[in-house]
Amino acid sequence: MMTLWRMNLMYQLLNGLRAKEHHMNINKQPTIDELARLFAVCKDTLDNHIVWIADSGEVHVDAMSPFTQEDEFRDAHPQMRTALKMFRRGQGYVGKKAAADRTYVENTLQALKGEWQKSRLQAHSQVA
């Protein structure tokens, strides 16, 4: 019998293998094409997904097992600085069709940039 932890680990490993060939850093002038490539390798019909940014600025699009809640995912990723809301499977938020919708990807990139700026301002105000 497979435990929930083991299932989550398998999902993360499989998603990591798919996404390894595509990188995007929010601090290095990210492009619509970079985000589209991250979306294109995802399977919208299989999993919920979460788009998040690590403290380093690296952007991730990770699959979440059907049993994982957003707060559990955040707890398992302490390097997460900020994230967009979870994308529910089957809604067309990731995958090849989503990646082909330039307006959608551009809007998502702008949302990511906005969340990154907010997180940086919050971190700066906590230090001051």
Foldseek 3Di string as FASTA:
>chain_A
DDDPVRVQVVQQVVLCVLCVVAWAFLVPPGDLLSLLSQQASDALQQFKWKWFAFLRRIIHIGGGPPPDDPVNVCVVRVRTLDIDDIHHGPPLCGHNVVSVPSVNSVVVSVVRNVRVVVSVVVVVVVVD
